[in-house]
Protein backbone atom coordinates (compact mmCIF):
# COMPACT_ATOMS: atom_id res chain seq x y z
CA MET A 1 -153.97 -51.55 38.08
CA LYS A 2 -152.43 -48.02 37.97
CA ASN A 3 -154.24 -46.86 35.25
CA VAL A 4 -157.39 -47.02 37.13
CA LYS A 5 -157.32 -43.53 39.00
CA GLY A 6 -160.10 -44.76 40.89
CA LEU A 7 -162.77 -46.98 42.07
CA ILE A 8 -165.79 -48.01 44.55
CA ASN A 9 -166.08 -51.74 45.08
CA PHE A 10 -169.07 -53.07 46.51
CA GLY A 11 -168.39 -56.99 46.97
CA CYS A 12 -171.02 -60.09 46.18
CA CYS A 13 -171.41 -63.45 44.88
CA TYR A 14 -168.31 -64.37 46.86
CA GLU A 15 -168.18 -67.90 45.67
CA LYS A 16 -167.23 -67.21 42.37
CA LEU A 17 -164.13 -66.60 43.92
CA GLN A 18 -163.44 -70.74 43.97
CA LYS A 19 -162.80 -70.84 40.38
CA PHE A 20 -159.77 -68.22 40.80
CA PRO A 21 -157.77 -69.13 43.82
CA GLU A 22 -155.35 -65.89 42.91
CA THR A 23 -158.44 -63.68 43.59
CA GLN A 24 -157.93 -64.46 47.70
CA ASN A 25 -155.12 -63.75 49.80
CA ILE A 26 -154.33 -60.97 47.14
CA SER A 27 -152.74 -58.65 49.36
CA GLU A 28 -148.66 -58.63 50.32
CA ALA A 29 -150.17 -58.38 54.26
CA ALA A 30 -152.06 -61.41 53.63
CA LYS A 31 -149.61 -63.35 51.28
CA LYS A 32 -147.19 -62.83 54.01
CA LEU A 33 -148.99 -64.62 57.10
CA THR A 34 -147.83 -68.16 58.26
CA SER A 35 -150.95 -69.42 57.46
CA PRO A 36 -153.06 -67.46 54.72
CA VAL A 37 -156.97 -67.89 55.71
CA THR A 38 -157.92 -69.92 52.23
CA PHE A 39 -162.40 -69.90 51.98
CA SER A 40 -163.90 -72.80 50.39
CA TYR A 41 -166.91 -72.69 48.05
CA PHE A 42 -169.03 -73.23 51.06
CA ALA A 43 -167.13 -70.40 52.97
CA LEU A 44 -167.60 -67.79 50.10
CA THR A 45 -170.93 -68.56 49.56
CA LEU A 46 -171.62 -67.60 53.54
CA ALA A 47 -169.57 -64.55 53.19
CA THR A 48 -172.34 -63.90 50.41
CA ARG A 49 -175.27 -64.48 52.37
CA ALA A 50 -177.48 -61.86 53.35
CA HIS A 51 -176.76 -60.81 57.54
CA ARG A 52 -180.12 -59.07 57.28
CA LYS A 53 -181.40 -58.52 61.22
CA MET A 54 -185.21 -60.36 60.55
CA HIS A 55 -188.43 -59.57 62.99
CA GLU A 56 -189.81 -62.58 65.31
CA LYS A 57 -192.33 -63.37 62.69
CA ASP A 58 -189.64 -63.97 59.75
CA TYR A 59 -187.91 -65.61 61.85
CA ASP A 60 -190.39 -68.41 63.24
CA LEU A 61 -191.23 -68.45 59.01
CA LYS A 62 -187.76 -69.11 58.61
CA LEU A 63 -187.13 -71.95 61.01
CA LYS A 64 -190.49 -73.88 59.46
CA VAL A 65 -189.07 -73.12 56.31
CA LYS A 66 -185.13 -74.94 57.70
CA PHE A 67 -187.63 -77.83 59.33
CA PHE A 68 -188.82 -79.16 55.82
CA ARG A 69 -185.81 -78.22 54.10
CA TYR A 70 -184.22 -80.22 56.64
CA ALA A 71 -186.01 -83.29 56.93
CA ILE A 72 -186.78 -83.82 52.88
CA HIS A 73 -182.98 -83.53 52.79
CA ILE A 74 -182.61 -86.27 55.37
CA LEU A 75 -185.60 -87.71 53.76
CA LEU A 76 -183.92 -88.23 50.73
CA HIS A 77 -180.92 -89.29 51.65
CA ASP A 78 -182.30 -91.94 53.60
CA GLU A 79 -185.41 -93.04 51.82
CA TYR A 80 -184.46 -92.73 48.24
CA ASP A 81 -180.58 -92.72 48.19
CA GLN A 82 -179.90 -89.40 47.21
CA LYS A 83 -176.50 -89.46 48.73
CA GLU A 84 -175.71 -86.27 47.19
CA LEU A 85 -177.32 -82.75 48.32
CA THR A 86 -180.25 -82.24 45.26
CA SER A 87 -181.27 -78.48 44.78
CA LEU A 88 -184.60 -77.65 45.75
CA GLY A 89 -186.78 -74.54 44.74
CA ASN A 90 -188.30 -71.87 46.93
CA SER A 91 -191.85 -73.23 47.57
CA ASN A 92 -194.69 -70.78 48.30
CA TYR A 93 -194.15 -69.87 51.78
CA LYS A 94 -198.61 -70.82 52.59
CA LEU A 95 -196.81 -74.45 51.91
CA TYR A 96 -195.14 -74.39 55.20
CA ASP A 97 -198.77 -74.02 56.89
CA GLU A 98 -199.69 -77.00 55.08
CA SER A 99 -198.03 -80.43 56.53
CA PHE A 100 -195.06 -81.91 55.70
CA GLY A 101 -196.43 -84.52 53.24
CA ASP A 102 -197.89 -81.44 51.35
CA TYR A 103 -194.70 -80.80 51.61
CA VAL A 104 -192.64 -83.58 49.76
CA PHE A 105 -195.13 -84.22 47.09
CA GLU A 106 -195.32 -80.19 46.24
CA GLN A 107 -190.80 -80.50 45.68
CA PHE A 108 -190.81 -84.29 44.21
CA SER A 109 -192.85 -82.77 41.72
CA ARG A 110 -190.39 -80.32 40.74
CA ILE A 111 -187.49 -82.96 40.62
CA ASN A 112 -189.23 -85.64 38.78
CA ILE A 113 -189.21 -88.41 41.93
CA VAL A 114 -192.57 -90.45 42.30
CA PRO A 115 -192.87 -90.05 46.01
CA LYS A 116 -192.84 -93.84 47.99
CA HIS A 117 -194.69 -92.86 50.60
CA SER A 118 -198.11 -91.29 51.58
CA ARG A 119 -198.43 -88.06 53.10
CA ASP A 120 -199.34 -89.54 56.80
CA GLU A 121 -196.23 -91.36 56.50
CA LEU A 122 -193.93 -88.75 55.39
CA ASN A 123 -195.86 -86.68 58.66
CA ARG A 124 -194.76 -89.58 60.90
CA PHE A 125 -191.42 -89.38 58.77
CA PHE A 126 -191.22 -85.41 60.10
CA ALA A 127 -192.63 -85.98 63.35
CA ASP A 128 -190.12 -88.96 64.69
CA ASN A 129 -188.74 -87.23 68.15
CA GLN A 130 -184.96 -88.38 67.15
CA ARG A 131 -185.14 -86.43 63.67
CA GLN A 132 -187.12 -83.41 65.52
CA GLU A 133 -183.89 -83.88 67.56
CA LEU A 134 -181.37 -84.13 64.80
CA ILE A 135 -182.43 -81.03 62.38
CA TRP A 136 -182.73 -78.79 65.71
CA LYS A 137 -178.35 -79.95 65.78
CA MET A 138 -178.57 -79.12 62.67
CA ILE A 139 -180.36 -75.44 62.98
CA THR A 140 -178.60 -74.66 66.31
CA ALA A 141 -174.87 -75.57 64.38
CA GLY A 142 -176.28 -73.09 61.05
CA LEU A 143 -176.78 -70.28 63.65
CA ILE A 144 -173.28 -70.98 64.84
CA ARG A 145 -171.99 -70.81 61.39
CA ASN A 146 -173.86 -68.19 60.08
CA ALA A 147 -172.37 -65.82 62.83
CA PHE A 148 -169.00 -66.15 60.63
CA GLY A 149 -170.00 -64.80 57.52
CA ARG A 150 -169.94 -61.40 57.97
CA LEU A 151 -166.43 -61.80 59.49
CA MET A 152 -165.54 -63.80 56.67
CA GLU A 153 -166.92 -61.14 53.84
CA LEU A 154 -164.95 -58.60 56.21
CA TYR A 155 -161.89 -60.22 55.49
CA ILE A 156 -162.01 -60.76 51.77
CA LEU A 157 -163.26 -56.78 51.97
CA LEU A 158 -159.99 -56.19 54.10
CA ASP A 159 -157.16 -57.86 51.92
CA ARG A 160 -158.69 -55.96 49.14
CA ALA A 161 -158.49 -52.80 50.90
CA ILE A 162 -154.85 -53.45 51.80
CA TYR A 163 -153.91 -54.42 48.32
CA LEU A 164 -155.32 -51.31 46.92
CA ALA A 165 -153.30 -49.18 49.91
CA GLU A 166 -149.99 -50.98 48.65
CA ASN A 167 -150.45 -50.77 45.66
CA ASN A 168 -150.66 -46.90 46.17
CA TYR A 169 -153.88 -45.85 46.90
CA SER A 170 -156.10 -43.38 49.19
CA VAL A 171 -158.67 -46.79 50.59
CA GLU A 172 -161.76 -46.47 52.81
CA LEU A 173 -163.84 -49.20 53.97
CA LEU A 174 -167.35 -47.99 54.12
CA GLU A 175 -170.56 -48.31 55.43
CA PHE A 176 -172.95 -46.91 52.91
CA PHE A 177 -176.04 -46.84 53.90
CA ASP A 178 -178.18 -48.66 56.81
CA GLU A 179 -178.08 -52.65 56.96
CA PRO A 180 -182.02 -52.41 56.41
CA LEU A 181 -181.92 -51.11 52.69
CA SER A 182 -179.33 -53.75 52.32
CA PRO A 183 -177.12 -56.43 53.76
CA ARG A 184 -174.35 -55.43 50.78
CA ASN A 185 -173.60 -52.28 52.32
CA LEU A 186 -170.06 -52.04 52.75
CA GLY A 187 -167.97 -51.02 49.95
CA ILE A 188 -164.49 -50.04 48.92
CA VAL A 189 -163.29 -46.13 47.94
CA ALA A 190 -159.95 -45.88 46.63
CA ILE A 191 -158.32 -43.20 45.07
CA PHE A 192 -154.52 -43.50 43.11
CA LYS A 193 -152.82 -41.55 44.88
CA SER A 194 -150.42 -38.32 42.70
CA LYS A 195 -146.95 -39.84 42.43
CA PRO A 196 -144.75 -37.03 44.50
CA SER A 197 -142.64 -34.30 42.42
CA MET A 198 -138.62 -34.81 42.50
């Protein structure tokens, strides 16, 4: 590390740290904590997510997407014996103006599952009051969870900044540009301090 005279670091793809546990809590300050904070794959993924503010219209669309997405995962789990989370691709946003049944048919065609329900049956599955209430609870829990994403990102970046300071670098953690341009706007600038003359 001493050969590196200066660096600028923008964090991204934190979920990849899960493969290398030694890349978390790299500073001596973090290692000395009674209970060092170690993030799971899901927490690291959350730290990576965009934390962009959005307009009401965008939020309404995102809410629709989440309702359909959560409902199809419940459907796969309860009706199609898919106990592990199935990776689903993004659908065209226009599809969310159609029925849940249309959405399921489009998604199932991608993941090679033959629907055993009609569109009407799927729409009734989606409209079930208890299921709608469960999805609302899931979305609410997700909103609370999402609020911690930026905090976790800051913990990772501060740990890196402290590590660099411990290794004789002059360090700044800066917001390089406004969040609307990109939520990945935090970066570390570090310059190696010359050794004091004897």
